[in-house]
Amino acid sequence: MKYKCHYAMNDPQPCGKVDCCFHCDERDTCKLACEEETYEGCEELIQEDDELQIMETALPDTIGKVTDLVIQMKKAEAEIDKIKAEILKAMESNGIKKFENEKVSFTYVAPSTRKTFDKKAFEKAHPEIDLGQFDKVSNVKASVRIGVK
C-alpha cells in the first residue's frame, strides 16, 4: 500500500516528498513532518494499492508460487552449470565424445569459432549503402519476463 498526502501532492513539501508524513522513514527526525498523531482520519491521506498488491489480489496464489519456482529453477541451473563443468573436464580428460543412460545423453561439443556478420561495423564502414531495404520486421507476442534479484 502506498500512502500519499493530498496536501503535499498539490503543494510539495520543502523536502520534496509527496508521501504521507506518518509513513515516511524520516518522520522522527524531520522538522517538517505534519502534526498528525496517526494517519487514521487524516483528510489529506490518499491510499493507493501498489502493483504487487494488485497482482496478488488478481492472482492470489500464483505470484508466490511462481516466485518460489523461479528461485528453485535458478538454483538448479547454477548447480547444473557446475556439474556440466565437471562432466566436460572428465569427458575431455578421458577422450569421451558421447555417453548416455536410460534418461539422458551427454555429448561433448569441441571448441570452435563462429562467423557472424557485424552489421554495425559494416554500416559504419559503408554509410552510403542503405541497409534498411534488408530489414525484416517480425511481430513479437506479449510475454512476461521474470528476473531474480
C-alpha atoms as a PDB file:
ATOM      1  CA  MET A   1       0.000   0.000   0.000  1.00  0.00           C
ATOM      2  CA  LYS A   2       1.280   3.445  -0.893  1.00  0.00           C
ATOM      3  CA  TYR A   3       0.335   6.295   1.388  1.00  0.00           C
ATOM      4  CA  LYS A   4       0.447   9.752  -0.146  1.00  0.00           C
ATOM      5  CA  CYS A   5      -0.546  13.146   1.162  1.00  0.00           C
ATOM      6  CA  HIS A   6      -3.133  15.080  -0.887  1.00  0.00           C
ATOM      7  CA  TYR A   7      -1.844  18.344   0.576  1.00  0.00           C
ATOM      8  CA  ALA A   8       1.794  17.553  -0.325  1.00  0.00           C
ATOM      9  CA  MET A   9       0.814  16.400  -3.823  1.00  0.00           C
ATOM     10  CA  ASN A  10      -0.808  19.788  -4.511  1.00  0.00           C
ATOM     11  CA  ASP A  11       1.827  21.822  -2.666  1.00  0.00           C
ATOM     12  CA  PRO A  12       5.017  19.734  -2.360  1.00  0.00           C
ATOM     13  CA  GLN A  13       6.769  19.848   0.980  1.00  0.00           C
ATOM     14  CA  PRO A  14      10.187  21.527   1.180  1.00  0.00           C
ATOM     15  CA  CYS A  15      11.628  18.016   1.493  1.00  0.00           C
ATOM     16  CA  GLY A  16      10.206  17.297  -1.995  1.00  0.00           C
ATOM     17  CA  LYS A  17       8.217  14.249  -0.884  1.00  0.00           C
ATOM     18  CA  VAL A  18       4.546  13.575  -1.562  1.00  0.00           C
ATOM     19  CA  ASP A  19       4.333  10.606   0.810  1.00  0.00           C
ATOM     20  CA  CYS A  20       2.240  10.717   3.968  1.00  0.00           C
ATOM     21  CA  CYS A  21       4.450  12.034   6.788  1.00  0.00           C
ATOM     22  CA  PHE A  22       3.184   9.286   9.098  1.00  0.00           C
ATOM     23  CA  HIS A  23       4.586   6.622   6.744  1.00  0.00           C
ATOM     24  CA  CYS A  24       7.852   8.418   5.949  1.00  0.00           C
ATOM     25  CA  ASP A  25      11.081   6.737   7.110  1.00  0.00           C
ATOM     26  CA  GLU A  26      12.404  10.149   8.195  1.00  0.00           C
ATOM     27  CA  ARG A  27       9.351  11.176  10.266  1.00  0.00           C
ATOM     28  CA  ASP A  28      11.149  11.029  13.618  1.00  0.00           C
ATOM     29  CA  THR A  29      13.952  13.351  12.512  1.00  0.00           C
ATOM     30  CA  CYS A  30      12.012  15.564  10.086  1.00  0.00           C
ATOM     31  CA  LYS A  31      11.282  19.090  11.302  1.00  0.00           C
ATOM     32  CA  LEU A  32       8.639  19.462   8.578  1.00  0.00           C
ATOM     33  CA  ALA A  33       6.507  16.426   9.438  1.00  0.00           C
ATOM     34  CA  CYS A  34       2.798  17.061   9.913  1.00  0.00           C
ATOM     35  CA  GLU A  35       1.413  17.156  13.444  1.00  0.00           C
ATOM     36  CA  GLU A  36      -0.999  14.247  12.998  1.00  0.00           C
ATOM     37  CA  GLU A  37      -0.781  11.627  15.757  1.00  0.00           C
ATOM     38  CA  THR A  38      -1.957   8.908  13.369  1.00  0.00           C
ATOM     39  CA  TYR A  39      -2.863   8.713   9.706  1.00  0.00           C
ATOM     40  CA  GLU A  40      -6.319   7.332  10.510  1.00  0.00           C
ATOM     41  CA  GLY A  41      -8.909  10.008   9.966  1.00  0.00           C
ATOM     42  CA  CYS A  42      -6.488  12.328   8.163  1.00  0.00           C
ATOM     43  CA  GLU A  43      -8.446  14.032   5.404  1.00  0.00           C
ATOM     44  CA  GLU A  44      -5.303  14.522   3.310  1.00  0.00           C
ATOM     45  CA  LEU A  45      -4.368  10.814   3.199  1.00  0.00           C
ATOM     46  CA  ILE A  46      -4.567   9.004  -0.152  1.00  0.00           C
ATOM     47  CA  GLN A  47      -4.144   5.230  -0.055  1.00  0.00           C
ATOM     48  CA  GLU A  48      -3.101   3.546  -3.270  1.00  0.00           C
ATOM     49  CA  ASP A  49      -2.580  -0.129  -3.954  1.00  0.00           C
ATOM     50  CA  ASP A  50       0.862  -0.787  -5.348  1.00  0.00           C
ATOM     51  CA  GLU A  51       1.412  -3.074  -8.334  1.00  0.00           C
ATOM     52  CA  LEU A  52       2.292  -6.089  -6.177  1.00  0.00           C
ATOM     53  CA  GLN A  53      -0.926  -5.807  -4.173  1.00  0.00           C
ATOM     54  CA  ILE A  54      -2.986  -5.501  -7.338  1.00  0.00           C
ATOM     55  CA  MET A  55      -1.412  -8.624  -8.820  1.00  0.00           C
ATOM     56  CA  GLU A  56      -1.659 -10.594  -5.566  1.00  0.00           C
ATOM     57  CA  THR A  57      -5.362  -9.717  -5.428  1.00  0.00           C
ATOM     58  CA  ALA A  58      -5.871 -10.710  -9.075  1.00  0.00           C
ATOM     59  CA  LEU A  59      -3.889 -13.951  -8.727  1.00  0.00           C
ATOM     60  CA  PRO A  60      -3.904 -14.845  -5.005  1.00  0.00           C
ATOM     61  CA  ASP A  61      -1.727 -17.977  -5.032  1.00  0.00           C
ATOM     62  CA  THR A  62       0.077 -17.576  -8.334  1.00  0.00           C
ATOM     63  CA  ILE A  63       2.647 -14.845  -7.577  1.00  0.00           C
ATOM     64  CA  GLY A  64       4.112 -16.638  -4.547  1.00  0.00           C
ATOM     65  CA  LYS A  65       4.085 -19.972  -6.352  1.00  0.00           C
ATOM     66  CA  VAL A  66       5.886 -18.671  -9.445  1.00  0.00           C
ATOM     67  CA  THR A  67       8.374 -16.785  -7.258  1.00  0.00           C
ATOM     68  CA  ASP A  68       9.301 -19.997  -5.423  1.00  0.00           C
ATOM     69  CA  LEU A  69       9.542 -21.960  -8.697  1.00  0.00           C
ATOM     70  CA  VAL A  70      11.746 -19.366 -10.404  1.00  0.00           C
ATOM     71  CA  ILE A  71      14.114 -19.295  -7.423  1.00  0.00           C
ATOM     72  CA  GLN A  72      14.288 -23.109  -7.447  1.00  0.00           C
ATOM     73  CA  MET A  73      14.920 -23.049 -11.200  1.00  0.00           C
ATOM     74  CA  LYS A  74      17.755 -20.516 -10.899  1.00  0.00           C
ATOM     75  CA  LYS A  75      19.389 -22.557  -8.127  1.00  0.00           C
ATOM     76  CA  ALA A  76      19.030 -25.726 -10.198  1.00  0.00           C
ATOM     77  CA  GLU A  77      20.517 -24.007 -13.271  1.00  0.00           C
ATOM     78  CA  ALA A  78      23.519 -22.841 -11.231  1.00  0.00           C
ATOM     79  CA  GLU A  79      24.047 -26.358  -9.891  1.00  0.00           C
ATOM     80  CA  ILE A  80      23.680 -27.841 -13.384  1.00  0.00           C
ATOM     81  CA  ASP A  81      26.321 -25.417 -14.693  1.00  0.00           C
ATOM     82  CA  LYS A  82      28.775 -26.613 -12.013  1.00  0.00           C
ATOM     83  CA  ILE A  83      28.047 -30.265 -12.790  1.00  0.00           C
ATOM     84  CA  LYS A  84      28.357 -29.668 -16.550  1.00  0.00           C
ATOM     85  CA  ALA A  85      31.815 -28.167 -15.965  1.00  0.00           C
ATOM     86  CA  GLU A  86      32.840 -31.305 -14.072  1.00  0.00           C
ATOM     87  CA  ILE A  87      31.421 -33.569 -16.801  1.00  0.00           C
ATOM     88  CA  LEU A  88      33.170 -31.516 -19.513  1.00  0.00           C
ATOM     89  CA  LYS A  89      36.501 -31.838 -17.728  1.00  0.00           C
ATOM     90  CA  ALA A  90      36.050 -35.601 -17.295  1.00  0.00           C
ATOM     91  CA  MET A  91      34.984 -36.099 -20.925  1.00  0.00           C
ATOM     92  CA  GLU A  92      37.988 -34.125 -22.198  1.00  0.00           C
ATOM     93  CA  SER A  93      40.479 -35.912 -19.951  1.00  0.00           C
ATOM     94  CA  ASN A  94      39.097 -39.344 -20.901  1.00  0.00           C
ATOM     95  CA  GLY A  95      38.571 -38.643 -24.608  1.00  0.00           C
ATOM     96  CA  ILE A  96      34.843 -39.390 -24.437  1.00  0.00           C
ATOM     97  CA  LYS A  97      32.661 -37.765 -27.119  1.00  0.00           C
ATOM     98  CA  LYS A  98      29.270 -39.112 -26.059  1.00  0.00           C
ATOM     99  CA  PHE A  99      27.648 -41.269 -23.394  1.00  0.00           C
ATOM    100  CA  GLU A 100      24.098 -41.830 -22.216  1.00  0.00           C
ATOM    101  CA  ASN A 101      21.920 -43.583 -19.715  1.00  0.00           C
ATOM    102  CA  GLU A 102      18.239 -44.527 -19.917  1.00  0.00           C
ATOM    103  CA  LYS A 103      17.087 -40.945 -19.305  1.00  0.00           C
ATOM    104  CA  VAL A 104      19.647 -38.542 -20.756  1.00  0.00           C
ATOM    105  CA  SER A 105      22.540 -38.315 -23.191  1.00  0.00           C
ATOM    106  CA  PHE A 106      25.714 -36.255 -22.874  1.00  0.00           C
ATOM    107  CA  THR A 107      27.568 -35.054 -25.962  1.00  0.00           C
ATOM    108  CA  TYR A 108      30.932 -33.302 -25.954  1.00  0.00           C
ATOM    109  CA  VAL A 109      30.968 -30.188 -28.138  1.00  0.00           C
ATOM    110  CA  ALA A 110      34.524 -29.248 -29.087  1.00  0.00           C
ATOM    111  CA  PRO A 111      35.649 -25.618 -29.046  1.00  0.00           C
ATOM    112  CA  SER A 112      35.213 -23.876 -32.374  1.00  0.00           C
ATOM    113  CA  THR A 113      34.952 -20.472 -33.964  1.00  0.00           C
ATOM    114  CA  ARG A 114      31.770 -18.858 -35.165  1.00  0.00           C
ATOM    115  CA  LYS A 115      31.497 -16.432 -38.045  1.00  0.00           C
ATOM    116  CA  THR A 116      28.809 -13.726 -37.862  1.00  0.00           C
ATOM    117  CA  PHE A 117      28.079 -10.573 -39.817  1.00  0.00           C
ATOM    118  CA  ASP A 118      28.722  -7.325 -37.897  1.00  0.00           C
ATOM    119  CA  LYS A 119      26.013  -5.062 -39.291  1.00  0.00           C
ATOM    120  CA  LYS A 120      27.049  -2.040 -37.180  1.00  0.00           C
ATOM    121  CA  ALA A 121      30.650  -2.204 -38.349  1.00  0.00           C
ATOM    122  CA  PHE A 122      29.519  -2.588 -41.978  1.00  0.00           C
ATOM    123  CA  GLU A 123      27.179   0.414 -41.709  1.00  0.00           C
ATOM    124  CA  LYS A 124      29.992   2.466 -40.206  1.00  0.00           C
ATOM    125  CA  ALA A 125      32.422   1.443 -42.954  1.00  0.00           C
ATOM    126  CA  HIS A 126      29.839   1.926 -45.741  1.00  0.00           C
ATOM    127  CA  PRO A 127      27.416   4.706 -44.728  1.00  0.00           C
ATOM    128  CA  GLU A 128      26.473   5.228 -48.377  1.00  0.00           C
ATOM    129  CA  ILE A 129      24.696   1.868 -48.508  1.00  0.00           C
ATOM    130  CA  ASP A 130      21.122   1.809 -47.205  1.00  0.00           C
ATOM    131  CA  LEU A 131      20.691  -1.493 -45.388  1.00  0.00           C
ATOM    132  CA  GLY A 132      17.097  -0.671 -44.468  1.00  0.00           C
ATOM    133  CA  GLN A 133      15.863  -2.473 -47.563  1.00  0.00           C
ATOM    134  CA  PHE A 134      17.097  -5.706 -45.969  1.00  0.00           C
ATOM    135  CA  ASP A 135      15.389  -5.189 -42.599  1.00  0.00           C
ATOM    136  CA  LYS A 136      12.980  -7.934 -41.672  1.00  0.00           C
ATOM    137  CA  VAL A 137      10.057  -6.942 -39.453  1.00  0.00           C
ATOM    138  CA  SER A 138       8.534  -9.598 -37.204  1.00  0.00           C
ATOM    139  CA  ASN A 139       5.646  -9.447 -34.789  1.00  0.00           C
ATOM    140  CA  VAL A 140       6.574 -10.344 -31.230  1.00  0.00           C
ATOM    141  CA  LYS A 141       3.817 -11.574 -28.954  1.00  0.00           C
ATOM    142  CA  ALA A 142       3.358 -10.206 -25.433  1.00  0.00           C
ATOM    143  CA  SER A 143       5.216 -12.010 -22.692  1.00  0.00           C
ATOM    144  CA  VAL A 144       6.326 -11.718 -19.088  1.00  0.00           C
ATOM    145  CA  ARG A 145       9.991 -11.612 -18.158  1.00  0.00           C
ATOM    146  CA  ILE A 146      10.781 -12.783 -14.622  1.00  0.00           C
ATOM    147  CA  GLY A 147      14.091 -11.732 -13.091  1.00  0.00           C
ATOM    148  CA  VAL A 148      15.712 -12.938  -9.911  1.00  0.00           C
ATOM    149  CA  LYS A 149      17.183 -10.366  -7.540  1.00  0.00           C
END
